[in-house]
Protein backbone atom coordinates (compact mmCIF):
# COMPACT_ATOMS: atom_id res chain seq x y z
CA MET A 1 -44.99 25.43 -29.46
CA PRO A 2 -44.71 26.65 -25.90
CA GLY A 3 -44.76 24.16 -23.23
CA ILE A 4 -46.64 24.21 -19.42
CA GLY A 5 -45.20 26.62 -17.84
CA GLU A 6 -43.98 28.84 -21.14
CA GLY A 7 -47.00 31.85 -20.89
CA MET A 8 -49.74 32.77 -22.36
CA ASN A 9 -48.02 34.92 -24.51
CA ALA A 10 -46.94 32.25 -26.50
CA THR A 11 -49.44 29.99 -26.62
CA GLU A 12 -52.44 32.40 -28.10
CA ASP A 13 -49.56 33.65 -30.66
CA HIS A 14 -49.36 29.84 -31.52
CA TYR A 15 -52.88 30.18 -31.85
CA GLU A 16 -52.98 33.14 -34.14
CA HIS A 17 -50.34 31.81 -36.33
CA ALA A 18 -52.64 28.26 -36.14
CA VAL A 19 -55.70 29.87 -37.46
CA ARG A 20 -53.64 32.34 -40.14
CA VAL A 21 -52.49 29.27 -42.09
CA ARG A 22 -55.66 28.31 -42.74
CA ASN A 23 -56.90 31.47 -43.58
CA PRO A 24 -54.57 33.87 -44.41
CA GLU A 25 -57.72 36.56 -44.84
CA LEU A 26 -58.49 36.72 -41.08
CA LEU A 27 -56.92 39.30 -38.62
CA LEU A 28 -57.22 38.53 -34.62
CA ARG A 29 -56.87 41.24 -32.90
CA ALA A 30 -57.61 41.19 -28.98
CA GLU A 31 -60.61 42.72 -27.58
CA THR A 32 -60.36 46.32 -26.09
CA PRO A 33 -63.30 47.78 -23.86
CA GLY A 34 -64.30 49.97 -27.39
CA ASP A 35 -65.62 46.60 -28.73
CA ALA A 36 -67.64 46.38 -26.38
CA ASP A 37 -70.39 47.96 -29.56
CA PHE A 38 -69.29 45.54 -31.47
CA LEU A 39 -69.69 42.78 -28.83
CA SER A 40 -73.59 43.30 -28.33
CA ALA A 41 -74.24 43.70 -31.79
CA LEU A 42 -72.59 40.24 -32.51
CA PHE A 43 -74.23 38.72 -29.35
CA MET A 44 -77.92 40.12 -30.78
CA ALA A 45 -77.36 39.30 -34.21
CA SER A 46 -76.24 35.83 -33.08
CA SER A 47 -79.03 35.03 -30.15
CA PRO A 48 -81.10 33.38 -31.97
CA LEU A 49 -83.83 34.94 -29.74
CA ALA A 50 -83.12 37.90 -32.51
CA GLY A 51 -86.33 38.16 -33.62
CA LEU A 52 -88.09 37.21 -29.68
CA LEU A 53 -87.43 39.51 -27.21
CA PRO A 54 -86.98 43.18 -27.21
CA GLU A 55 -83.68 44.83 -28.48
CA PRO A 56 -83.27 46.23 -24.69
CA ILE A 57 -83.30 43.23 -23.22
CA LEU A 58 -80.97 41.24 -25.62
CA ARG A 59 -78.62 44.58 -25.08
CA GLN A 60 -78.96 43.50 -21.44
CA GLN A 61 -78.79 39.81 -21.78
CA ALA A 62 -75.21 40.57 -24.23
CA LEU A 63 -73.63 42.35 -21.62
CA ALA A 64 -74.66 40.11 -18.88
CA GLN A 65 -72.90 37.48 -21.03
CA GLN A 66 -70.26 39.58 -21.52
CA ILE A 67 -69.28 40.20 -17.96
CA GLY A 68 -69.97 36.39 -17.19
CA HIS A 69 -67.16 35.89 -18.95
CA ARG A 70 -64.48 38.71 -17.97
CA THR A 71 -65.89 37.49 -14.20
CA ASP A 72 -66.16 33.47 -14.68
CA PHE A 73 -62.10 33.40 -17.46
CA PRO A 74 -60.69 36.90 -16.20
CA HIS A 75 -57.48 35.77 -18.35
CA ALA A 76 -58.38 33.81 -21.20
CA MET A 77 -57.28 35.04 -24.62
CA ARG A 78 -60.09 37.91 -26.32
CA ARG A 79 -60.06 38.17 -29.82
CA ILE A 80 -61.69 39.79 -31.98
CA VAL A 81 -62.02 38.38 -35.39
CA ALA A 82 -61.70 40.80 -38.60
CA LEU A 83 -61.74 39.72 -42.32
CA GLY A 84 -61.71 42.35 -45.04
CA GLY A 85 -61.44 45.09 -42.34
CA ALA A 86 -65.11 43.83 -41.26
CA ASP A 87 -65.23 42.94 -37.49
CA ILE A 88 -67.45 39.39 -38.23
CA GLY A 89 -66.67 37.50 -34.70
CA HIS A 90 -65.39 37.10 -32.05
CA VAL A 91 -62.96 34.02 -29.73
CA VAL A 92 -62.87 33.81 -26.34
CA ILE A 93 -60.13 30.74 -25.12
CA ASP A 94 -59.15 29.99 -21.60
CA TRP A 95 -56.15 28.08 -21.99
CA SER A 96 -55.07 28.80 -18.26
CA ASP A 97 -55.88 25.09 -16.94
CA ARG A 98 -53.02 22.15 -16.59
CA GLU A 99 -54.71 20.09 -17.82
CA SER A 100 -57.99 20.73 -20.38
CA CYS A 101 -58.41 24.34 -22.38
CA TYR A 102 -61.75 26.17 -22.41
CA CYS A 103 -63.73 27.10 -25.24
CA VAL A 104 -65.39 30.37 -23.54
CA ASP A 105 -67.38 31.43 -26.46
CA ILE A 106 -67.06 31.66 -30.53
CA ALA A 107 -69.49 33.46 -31.94
CA ILE A 108 -69.04 34.79 -35.90
CA LEU A 109 -71.99 37.28 -37.32
CA PRO A 110 -74.86 36.03 -39.45
CA GLY A 111 -73.75 36.69 -42.22
CA ALA A 112 -70.20 35.57 -42.90
CA GLN A 113 -71.41 32.19 -41.36
CA ARG A 114 -70.73 29.43 -43.81
CA GLY A 115 -68.42 30.34 -45.08
CA GLY A 116 -65.42 28.09 -42.74
CA ILE A 117 -64.20 30.30 -40.45
CA GLY A 118 -65.85 28.92 -36.61
CA GLY A 119 -64.69 25.49 -37.98
CA GLN A 120 -60.91 27.08 -38.54
CA LEU A 121 -61.21 28.78 -35.37
CA LEU A 122 -61.86 25.04 -33.87
CA GLU A 123 -59.55 23.63 -36.02
CA ALA A 124 -56.85 26.43 -34.70
CA TRP A 125 -57.45 25.77 -30.73
CA THR A 126 -58.06 21.96 -31.29
CA GLU A 127 -53.97 22.41 -33.31
CA VAL A 128 -52.35 24.56 -30.00
CA ALA A 129 -54.17 22.25 -27.20
CA ASP A 130 -53.12 19.02 -28.68
CA ARG A 131 -49.88 20.38 -29.19
CA LEU A 132 -49.79 21.25 -24.72
CA ASN A 133 -51.03 18.24 -24.48
CA ARG A 134 -53.97 19.34 -23.31
CA SER A 135 -58.26 18.28 -23.33
CA CYS A 136 -60.65 20.60 -24.50
CA ARG A 137 -64.01 21.93 -23.25
CA LEU A 138 -67.26 24.42 -24.00
CA GLN A 139 -70.76 24.13 -23.02
CA VAL A 140 -73.35 24.59 -26.01
CA MET A 141 -76.51 24.08 -26.20
CA THR A 142 -78.28 21.50 -26.65
CA ASP A 143 -80.38 22.39 -30.05
CA ASN A 144 -77.55 25.14 -31.68
CA PRO A 145 -76.79 23.07 -34.71
CA ALA A 146 -72.80 23.32 -33.93
CA ARG A 147 -73.17 20.81 -31.58
CA ARG A 148 -72.42 18.65 -34.26
CA ILE A 149 -69.50 19.89 -35.41
CA TYR A 150 -68.25 19.97 -32.35
CA GLU A 151 -69.32 16.02 -32.43
CA ARG A 152 -67.02 15.28 -35.78
CA MET A 153 -64.86 16.33 -33.98
CA GLY A 154 -64.02 14.26 -31.70
CA PHE A 155 -66.40 16.40 -28.51
CA MET A 156 -68.06 14.55 -26.46
CA PRO A 157 -70.89 14.58 -23.71
CA GLN A 158 -69.73 15.03 -20.61
CA ALA A 159 -71.73 12.89 -17.81
CA GLY A 160 -72.64 14.36 -14.87
CA THR A 161 -74.38 17.05 -17.28
CA ASP A 162 -77.71 17.68 -16.46
CA PRO A 163 -80.22 16.06 -18.89
CA HIS A 164 -82.39 19.19 -17.61
CA SER A 165 -80.15 21.63 -18.63
CA PRO A 166 -80.23 23.35 -21.94
CA LEU A 167 -76.68 23.31 -21.77
CA VAL A 168 -74.70 20.38 -22.52
CA GLU A 169 -70.62 20.13 -21.16
CA LEU A 170 -68.14 18.83 -23.98
CA ALA A 171 -64.88 17.91 -23.79
CA ARG A 172 -62.36 16.67 -26.60
CA PRO A 173 -59.77 14.16 -25.42
CA ILE A 174 -56.03 15.05 -26.80
CA ARG A 175 -55.15 13.85 -29.85
CA GLN A 176 -51.44 12.73 -30.12
CA ARG A 177 -49.22 13.89 -32.98
CA PRO A 178 -48.16 11.53 -34.77
CA ALA A 179 -43.91 11.86 -34.30
């Protein structure tokens, strides 16, 4: 396991290994510009506004999210998640902070949800973060059902979160591994 200062590629490799240990059928591959259509479709299928907003507006929101993530987290690991040869999701984690790592986004197509894949991706993230002695942080919509999963995993709302914001910042402290 890389220590602080040992490079992102090693950390990303350890993350991918931690995912494979949990589910050998999952394949993670680096996101490429050719994945833009899949990422838009994933956003549109996963959005709580799907069916409420016209498709062109959802596509615009998907593009804005992609641009925002690339701008705000230029060094983040971006992986497409595949199962059985089909792309089913993506995970974006920023490992660049020396004290914490930030899960920018995890999304799984609705047809592939409820099989534990999202949880496996999260568990792999927190395992690697613990080995690096880093806390874990993320933001989630206040009414997102996944928030309960994060809280069961030890994530806690952070002080200073605007109570009127649709998002809540959650953090999980470093868990010490047994010697």
